[in-house]
Amino acid sequence: MLLAFFFASKDLNISYEKRRLQFIKVCIFLLILQSGLRNWAVGADTYQYFLRFESAKGESWQDLVADILNFEGKDPFYTLFQKFFQLFSSNYQWYLIFVALIFMPALGYFIYKNTTKIRHALLAFIIYMGNFYGFFSITGIRQTISTALLLWSYQYIKERKLLVFTILVLFAGLFHLSALIFFPLYFVAELKRPKLIFRLALFGFPFAMVFKNQLAVFFVRFIDAQDRFGVYSEQYEKGGSYVLTAFHVLLAIWALGLFTKMMSIVPTTYRMYNTFALALFFFPLQWVNPSAGRIAQYFTIVIMIWIPYLLDAASMNQPKRREFLYIITIIFLISATLFAITLDEYKFFWQDMKLPQNYYIY
């Protein structure tokens, strides 16, 4: 927040747009350090990926290429990706930094291209820390790389460049097959009936919750990935989060109430409405299997750039009211961030830390 106040200062002898860009760059730099310099015991999967990184050293190039061409093996392209990195370094810590250098600039670009104010960017980063830090910064690697490519691809939806968008989504699918679910967004995002689409998604949410198991089975069969994602359609005794579900539903209701005002202020936010409509459609999957929540995550990440505009619309062009709404929201989100951070112990790689007692190999 101090950085935001500093860069928002009119005393700086540079344009507002440059200050906004510099603020985003500094935040991204700090997130790269946080993610890349983490201890290997941080997060549920960092150490698992270390084991995969070491295993890749023993794989031959010929076998990996053959597995890719024959569609055999488990994630052969990701192993090939690691193998390529190991041409330059065999150090896993450098690899974590490399992954952070792939994802964080994509995140920064996504925020920069879809916000207009420093306060928007500040809120976007706070939302990231509270909702997505626990996965993209300290846990996932394959899906983190996939999501980075999808974040880049979002701009090409806006520019209507189908070929570039398709290439990025297909490339993302090589790292994590579930990323292919992002492809329909190219067509859905540009539908000019966002209010109708959003209403259907919101009022259809209870039905999606009731038929969540059938939806999971359909999804797995549709992409013909029973071997890879069949577990997504298996009902867990305890899955999903009441708090997270309530948050998304209440956010959708609030956004629907502000729809007319939003369209009058920033008409292009219809894409954000359409994107979140897809998030609502896939969100019930996490109640079948928590891991399946990562599918909706491709779309829920839009809340980082959407919520700031919703607050602007709710303020009704009254600066004092807007300031109050931002302060209340920031306090709430920082509280959520502090709670989220306490769930995952964090230490740098030079600090001692024990590995999690329970973890599984992908």
Protein backbone atom coordinates (compact mmCIF):
# COMPACT_ATOMS: atom_id res chain seq x y z
CA MET A 1 0.00 0.00 0.00
CA LEU A 2 2.87 2.36 0.74
CA LEU A 3 4.17 1.74 -2.79
CA ALA A 4 0.76 2.62 -4.21
CA PHE A 5 0.65 5.90 -2.27
CA PHE A 6 4.20 6.69 -3.39
CA PHE A 7 3.53 6.11 -7.09
CA ALA A 8 0.15 7.86 -6.89
CA SER A 9 1.87 11.00 -5.62
CA LYS A 10 1.60 13.90 -8.02
CA ASP A 11 4.97 15.18 -6.82
CA LEU A 12 6.77 12.59 -8.97
CA ASN A 13 7.96 14.23 -12.15
CA ILE A 14 6.64 11.53 -14.49
CA SER A 15 3.29 10.86 -16.13
CA TYR A 16 0.55 9.00 -14.30
CA GLU A 17 0.63 6.13 -16.82
CA LYS A 18 4.37 5.62 -16.28
CA ARG A 19 3.87 5.69 -12.52
CA ARG A 20 1.13 3.07 -12.83
CA LEU A 21 3.40 0.86 -14.92
CA GLN A 22 6.32 1.30 -12.51
CA PHE A 23 4.10 0.38 -9.55
CA ILE A 24 3.04 -2.83 -11.29
CA LYS A 25 6.66 -3.65 -12.20
CA VAL A 26 7.85 -3.22 -8.61
CA CYS A 27 5.05 -5.44 -7.29
CA ILE A 28 5.84 -8.10 -9.89
CA PHE A 29 9.53 -7.98 -8.97
CA LEU A 30 8.68 -8.57 -5.30
CA LEU A 31 6.36 -11.47 -6.20
CA ILE A 32 9.12 -13.04 -8.33
CA LEU A 33 11.48 -12.94 -5.35
CA GLN A 34 8.81 -14.31 -3.02
CA SER A 35 7.97 -17.23 -5.29
CA GLY A 36 11.40 -18.00 -6.70
CA LEU A 37 13.34 -17.85 -3.43
CA ARG A 38 10.94 -20.02 -1.43
CA ASN A 39 12.12 -23.02 0.53
CA TRP A 40 11.44 -26.34 -1.19
CA ALA A 41 9.21 -27.33 1.73
CA VAL A 42 6.87 -24.37 1.14
CA GLY A 43 3.51 -25.33 -0.31
CA ALA A 44 2.03 -28.74 -0.93
CA ASP A 45 3.80 -29.52 -4.19
CA THR A 46 7.14 -27.68 -4.37
CA TYR A 47 9.11 -30.66 -3.09
CA GLN A 48 7.18 -33.07 -5.29
CA TYR A 49 8.20 -31.03 -8.30
CA PHE A 50 11.78 -31.16 -7.06
CA LEU A 51 11.60 -34.97 -7.24
CA ARG A 52 10.25 -34.70 -10.79
CA PHE A 53 13.01 -32.24 -11.65
CA GLU A 54 15.63 -34.71 -10.46
CA SER A 55 13.91 -37.58 -12.24
CA ALA A 56 13.99 -35.66 -15.52
CA LYS A 57 17.79 -35.67 -15.43
CA GLY A 58 17.73 -39.40 -16.06
CA GLU A 59 15.35 -39.23 -19.03
CA SER A 60 16.75 -39.42 -22.54
CA TRP A 61 15.82 -36.86 -25.19
CA GLN A 62 14.90 -39.62 -27.63
CA ASP A 63 12.45 -41.27 -25.22
CA LEU A 64 10.82 -37.97 -24.33
CA VAL A 65 10.32 -36.96 -27.95
CA ALA A 66 8.96 -40.44 -28.73
CA ASP A 67 6.50 -40.20 -25.82
CA ILE A 68 5.24 -36.85 -27.08
CA LEU A 69 4.83 -38.05 -30.66
CA ASN A 70 3.09 -41.24 -29.51
CA PHE A 71 0.99 -39.52 -26.82
CA GLU A 72 2.50 -41.79 -24.18
CA GLY A 73 3.88 -41.31 -20.71
CA LYS A 74 2.80 -38.82 -18.07
CA ASP A 75 3.25 -35.17 -18.99
CA PRO A 76 6.14 -35.85 -21.39
CA PHE A 77 6.18 -32.24 -22.62
CA TYR A 78 6.63 -30.91 -19.09
CA THR A 79 9.52 -33.32 -18.59
CA LEU A 80 10.99 -32.13 -21.90
CA PHE A 81 10.58 -28.55 -20.69
CA GLN A 82 12.57 -29.38 -17.54
CA LYS A 83 15.16 -31.19 -19.61
CA PHE A 84 15.61 -28.11 -21.78
CA PHE A 85 16.08 -25.91 -18.70
CA GLN A 86 18.69 -28.33 -17.38
CA LEU A 87 20.85 -27.55 -20.39
CA PHE A 88 21.52 -24.24 -18.65
CA SER A 89 21.25 -25.18 -14.98
CA SER A 90 20.65 -28.28 -12.91
CA ASN A 91 19.80 -26.21 -9.83
CA TYR A 92 16.16 -26.50 -8.74
CA GLN A 93 16.17 -23.11 -7.02
CA TRP A 94 17.04 -21.45 -10.31
CA TYR A 95 14.21 -23.42 -11.87
CA LEU A 96 11.73 -22.00 -9.34
CA ILE A 97 12.98 -18.52 -10.17
CA PHE A 98 12.60 -19.31 -13.88
CA VAL A 99 8.97 -20.40 -13.39
CA ALA A 100 8.29 -17.20 -11.41
CA LEU A 101 9.83 -15.22 -14.29
CA ILE A 102 7.32 -16.87 -16.63
CA PHE A 103 4.20 -16.36 -14.53
CA MET A 104 4.64 -13.04 -12.75
CA PRO A 105 5.29 -10.85 -15.83
CA ALA A 106 2.20 -12.44 -17.43
CA LEU A 107 0.24 -11.52 -14.30
CA GLY A 108 1.60 -7.97 -14.41
CA TYR A 109 0.75 -7.61 -18.10
CA PHE A 110 -2.78 -8.88 -17.45
CA ILE A 111 -3.29 -6.32 -14.70
CA TYR A 112 -1.68 -3.49 -16.68
CA LYS A 113 -3.74 -4.04 -19.82
CA ASN A 114 -7.04 -4.41 -17.98
CA THR A 115 -6.88 -1.63 -15.38
CA THR A 116 -6.52 2.12 -15.68
CA LYS A 117 -5.71 3.35 -12.18
CA ILE A 118 -3.04 2.68 -9.58
CA ARG A 119 -5.81 1.92 -7.10
CA HIS A 120 -7.09 -0.75 -9.50
CA ALA A 121 -3.66 -2.39 -9.64
CA LEU A 122 -3.25 -2.18 -5.85
CA LEU A 123 -6.55 -3.94 -5.32
CA ALA A 124 -5.70 -6.53 -7.99
CA PHE A 125 -2.48 -7.48 -6.19
CA ILE A 126 -4.24 -7.66 -2.81
CA ILE A 127 -6.89 -9.94 -4.34
CA TYR A 128 -4.12 -12.08 -5.84
CA MET A 129 -2.45 -12.49 -2.45
CA GLY A 130 -5.71 -13.41 -0.74
CA ASN A 131 -7.10 -15.77 -3.39
CA PHE A 132 -4.34 -17.06 -5.66
CA TYR A 133 -1.02 -16.73 -3.82
CA GLY A 134 -1.40 -20.13 -2.16
CA PHE A 135 -1.40 -21.84 -5.56
CA PHE A 136 0.48 -19.81 -8.16
CA SER A 137 3.19 -18.40 -5.89
CA ILE A 138 4.07 -21.36 -3.70
CA THR A 139 2.49 -24.59 -4.95
CA GLY A 140 1.70 -25.27 -8.58
CA ILE A 141 4.23 -25.28 -11.39
CA ARG A 142 2.66 -27.02 -14.40
CA GLN A 143 -0.65 -25.21 -14.05
CA THR A 144 1.14 -22.00 -13.11
CA ILE A 145 2.97 -22.07 -16.45
CA SER A 146 -0.29 -22.93 -18.22
CA THR A 147 -2.09 -20.04 -16.55
CA ALA A 148 0.70 -17.64 -17.53
CA LEU A 149 0.08 -18.49 -21.17
CA LEU A 150 -3.67 -18.05 -20.69
CA LEU A 151 -3.14 -14.64 -19.08
CA TRP A 152 -1.20 -13.57 -22.16
CA SER A 153 -3.93 -14.99 -24.38
CA TYR A 154 -6.67 -12.86 -22.78
CA GLN A 155 -5.40 -9.80 -24.65
CA TYR A 156 -5.87 -11.59 -27.96
CA ILE A 157 -9.52 -12.23 -27.12
CA LYS A 158 -9.91 -8.46 -26.92
CA GLU A 159 -7.97 -7.96 -30.15
CA ARG A 160 -9.91 -10.78 -31.88
CA LYS A 161 -6.76 -12.62 -32.94
CA LEU A 162 -7.97 -16.21 -32.95
CA LEU A 163 -4.79 -17.78 -34.33
CA VAL A 164 -2.49 -16.33 -31.67
CA PHE A 165 -5.03 -17.09 -28.94
CA THR A 166 -5.38 -20.70 -30.12
CA ILE A 167 -1.61 -21.23 -30.23
CA LEU A 168 -1.21 -19.95 -26.67
CA VAL A 169 -4.08 -22.10 -25.35
CA LEU A 170 -2.79 -25.23 -27.12
CA PHE A 171 0.69 -24.54 -25.76
CA ALA A 172 -0.79 -24.13 -22.28
CA GLY A 173 -2.54 -27.49 -22.75
CA LEU A 174 0.83 -29.16 -23.23
CA PHE A 175 1.71 -28.26 -19.64
CA HIS A 176 -1.73 -28.98 -18.17
CA LEU A 177 -4.45 -30.52 -20.31
CA SER A 178 -7.21 -28.79 -18.34
CA ALA A 179 -6.07 -25.45 -19.81
CA LEU A 180 -7.90 -26.37 -23.03
CA ILE A 181 -11.15 -25.52 -21.24
CA PHE A 182 -10.13 -21.88 -21.71
CA PHE A 183 -10.64 -22.06 -25.48
CA PRO A 184 -14.45 -21.44 -25.47
CA LEU A 185 -13.84 -18.13 -23.68
CA TYR A 186 -12.73 -16.63 -27.01
CA PHE A 187 -16.32 -16.91 -28.22
CA VAL A 188 -18.21 -16.51 -24.93
CA ALA A 189 -16.31 -13.37 -23.87
CA GLU A 190 -17.47 -11.43 -26.90
CA LEU A 191 -21.16 -12.34 -26.74
CA LYS A 192 -23.12 -9.11 -26.66
CA ARG A 193 -25.79 -10.34 -24.23
CA PRO A 194 -23.68 -10.34 -21.05
CA LYS A 195 -26.58 -9.60 -18.71
CA LEU A 196 -28.57 -12.56 -20.03
CA ILE A 197 -25.52 -14.85 -19.90
CA PHE A 198 -24.70 -13.72 -16.38
CA ARG A 199 -28.27 -14.23 -15.20
CA LEU A 200 -28.32 -17.73 -16.66
CA ALA A 201 -25.03 -18.55 -14.91
CA LEU A 202 -26.13 -17.08 -11.58
CA PHE A 203 -29.64 -18.54 -11.49
CA GLY A 204 -28.35 -21.80 -12.94
CA PHE A 205 -25.72 -22.10 -10.19
CA PRO A 206 -28.01 -24.02 -7.77
CA PHE A 207 -28.78 -26.56 -10.52
CA ALA A 208 -25.07 -26.89 -11.32
CA MET A 209 -24.47 -27.61 -7.63
CA VAL A 210 -27.17 -30.30 -7.62
CA PHE A 211 -25.83 -31.96 -10.78
CA LYS A 212 -22.16 -31.31 -10.04
CA ASN A 213 -21.21 -35.00 -10.23
CA GLN A 214 -22.82 -35.42 -13.63
CA LEU A 215 -21.07 -32.24 -14.77
CA ALA A 216 -17.72 -33.61 -13.62
CA VAL A 217 -18.28 -36.92 -15.41
CA PHE A 218 -19.35 -35.10 -18.59
CA PHE A 219 -16.28 -32.86 -18.48
CA VAL A 220 -13.88 -35.77 -18.08
CA ARG A 221 -15.53 -37.78 -20.84
CA PHE A 222 -15.83 -34.77 -23.15
CA ILE A 223 -12.08 -34.20 -23.20
CA ASP A 224 -11.51 -37.98 -23.26
CA ALA A 225 -9.19 -37.88 -20.25
CA GLN A 226 -10.52 -40.53 -17.90
CA ASP A 227 -7.01 -41.74 -17.14
CA ARG A 228 -5.71 -38.25 -16.37
CA PHE A 229 -8.68 -36.53 -14.76
CA GLY A 230 -11.01 -39.36 -13.86
CA VAL A 231 -10.35 -38.56 -10.21
CA TYR A 232 -11.99 -35.17 -10.81
CA SER A 233 -15.33 -36.95 -11.17
CA GLU A 234 -14.95 -38.90 -7.94
CA GLN A 235 -17.01 -37.53 -5.06
CA TYR A 236 -14.96 -36.60 -2.00
CA GLU A 237 -16.47 -36.88 1.46
CA LYS A 238 -15.38 -33.32 2.11
CA GLY A 239 -14.94 -31.02 -0.83
CA GLY A 240 -15.39 -27.35 -1.57
CA SER A 241 -15.56 -24.36 0.72
CA TYR A 242 -18.72 -22.74 2.06
CA VAL A 243 -16.92 -19.43 2.53
CA LEU A 244 -15.44 -19.38 -0.98
CA THR A 245 -18.73 -20.48 -2.54
CA ALA A 246 -20.68 -17.82 -0.66
CA PHE A 247 -18.13 -15.20 -1.70
CA HIS A 248 -18.49 -16.03 -5.41
CA VAL A 249 -22.28 -16.13 -5.29
CA LEU A 250 -22.55 -12.85 -3.35
CA LEU A 251 -20.02 -11.25 -5.71
CA ALA A 252 -22.14 -12.35 -8.68
CA ILE A 253 -25.35 -10.98 -7.12
CA TRP A 254 -23.65 -7.66 -6.33
CA ALA A 255 -22.19 -7.45 -9.86
CA LEU A 256 -25.57 -8.15 -11.43
CA GLY A 257 -27.08 -5.30 -9.42
CA LEU A 258 -24.38 -2.95 -10.69
CA PHE A 259 -24.57 -4.14 -14.30
CA THR A 260 -26.30 -1.10 -15.81
CA LYS A 261 -24.00 1.30 -13.97
CA MET A 262 -20.94 -0.70 -15.01
CA MET A 263 -21.90 -0.66 -18.67
CA SER A 264 -22.36 3.10 -18.57
CA ILE A 265 -18.94 3.67 -17.00
CA VAL A 266 -16.79 1.02 -18.69
CA PRO A 267 -18.72 -0.80 -21.45
CA THR A 268 -15.84 -3.21 -22.13
CA THR A 269 -16.32 -4.90 -18.74
CA TYR A 270 -18.93 -7.11 -20.40
CA ARG A 271 -16.02 -9.48 -21.08
CA MET A 272 -15.38 -9.75 -17.35
CA TYR A 273 -19.04 -10.57 -16.74
CA ASN A 274 -18.95 -13.28 -19.41
CA THR A 275 -15.69 -14.68 -18.02
CA PHE A 276 -17.03 -14.88 -14.49
CA ALA A 277 -20.20 -16.54 -15.83
CA LEU A 278 -17.98 -19.44 -16.97
CA ALA A 279 -16.33 -19.45 -13.55
CA LEU A 280 -19.74 -19.92 -11.92
CA PHE A 281 -20.50 -22.77 -14.31
CA PHE A 282 -17.36 -24.71 -13.41
CA PHE A 283 -17.12 -23.69 -9.75
CA PRO A 284 -19.34 -26.54 -8.40
CA LEU A 285 -16.71 -29.03 -9.60
CA GLN A 286 -14.60 -28.26 -6.55
CA TRP A 287 -17.40 -29.71 -4.42
CA VAL A 288 -16.85 -33.01 -6.24
CA ASN A 289 -13.08 -32.90 -5.96
CA PRO A 290 -11.05 -29.98 -4.56
CA SER A 291 -8.46 -30.42 -7.33
CA ALA A 292 -11.15 -29.79 -9.94
CA GLY A 293 -11.48 -26.29 -8.54
CA ARG A 294 -8.42 -25.43 -10.58
CA ILE A 295 -10.62 -25.56 -13.70
CA ALA A 296 -12.79 -22.68 -12.45
CA GLN A 297 -9.60 -20.93 -11.34
CA TYR A 298 -8.73 -20.20 -14.98
CA PHE A 299 -11.81 -17.95 -15.05
CA THR A 300 -12.09 -16.73 -11.46
CA ILE A 301 -8.74 -14.97 -11.78
CA VAL A 302 -10.68 -12.26 -13.62
CA ILE A 303 -11.92 -10.96 -10.25
CA MET A 304 -8.55 -9.23 -9.79
CA ILE A 305 -9.36 -6.76 -12.56
CA TRP A 306 -13.16 -6.86 -12.20
CA ILE A 307 -13.71 -5.96 -8.54
CA PRO A 308 -11.96 -2.55 -8.83
CA TYR A 309 -14.39 -1.52 -11.57
CA LEU A 310 -17.32 -2.78 -9.50
CA LEU A 311 -16.20 -0.54 -6.64
CA ASP A 312 -15.93 2.41 -9.00
CA ALA A 313 -19.48 1.74 -10.21
CA ALA A 314 -20.77 1.40 -6.65
CA SER A 315 -19.25 4.77 -5.70
CA MET A 316 -21.52 6.55 -8.21
CA ASN A 317 -18.74 8.98 -9.19
CA GLN A 318 -18.50 10.31 -5.63
CA PRO A 319 -14.79 10.46 -4.61
CA LYS A 320 -15.43 10.30 -0.86
CA ARG A 321 -17.76 7.32 -1.24
CA ARG A 322 -15.26 5.61 -3.54
CA GLU A 323 -12.46 6.20 -1.03
CA PHE A 324 -14.58 4.72 1.75
CA LEU A 325 -15.48 1.65 -0.33
CA TYR A 326 -11.84 1.05 -1.26
CA ILE A 327 -10.68 1.37 2.35
CA ILE A 328 -13.32 -1.08 3.60
CA THR A 329 -12.57 -3.52 0.77
CA ILE A 330 -8.81 -3.32 1.27
CA ILE A 331 -9.16 -3.93 5.01
CA PHE A 332 -11.37 -6.96 4.32
CA LEU A 333 -9.03 -8.33 1.63
CA ILE A 334 -5.89 -7.79 3.69
CA SER A 335 -7.55 -9.70 6.54
CA ALA A 336 -8.31 -12.51 4.10
CA THR A 337 -4.73 -12.35 2.84
CA LEU A 338 -3.26 -12.60 6.32
CA PHE A 339 -5.50 -15.58 7.02
CA ALA A 340 -4.53 -17.27 3.74
CA ILE A 341 -0.83 -16.74 4.39
CA THR A 342 -1.06 -18.29 7.86
CA LEU A 343 -2.40 -21.49 6.28
CA ASP A 344 0.91 -22.00 4.46
CA GLU A 345 4.15 -21.52 6.34
CA TYR A 346 6.68 -19.58 4.29
CA LYS A 347 10.46 -19.55 4.57
CA PHE A 348 13.23 -18.65 2.16
CA PHE A 349 15.48 -21.38 0.77
CA TRP A 350 18.33 -20.49 3.15
CA GLN A 351 16.09 -21.04 6.21
CA ASP A 352 15.45 -24.39 7.84
CA MET A 353 12.00 -25.85 7.25
CA LYS A 354 10.49 -29.31 7.56
CA LEU A 355 8.72 -30.95 4.65
CA PRO A 356 4.91 -31.36 4.90
CA GLN A 357 3.99 -34.65 6.50
CA ASN A 358 1.48 -35.57 3.82
CA TYR A 359 2.05 -34.98 0.13
CA TYR A 360 1.44 -36.99 -3.03
CA ILE A 361 3.32 -37.39 -6.28
CA TYR A 362 1.52 -36.32 -9.44
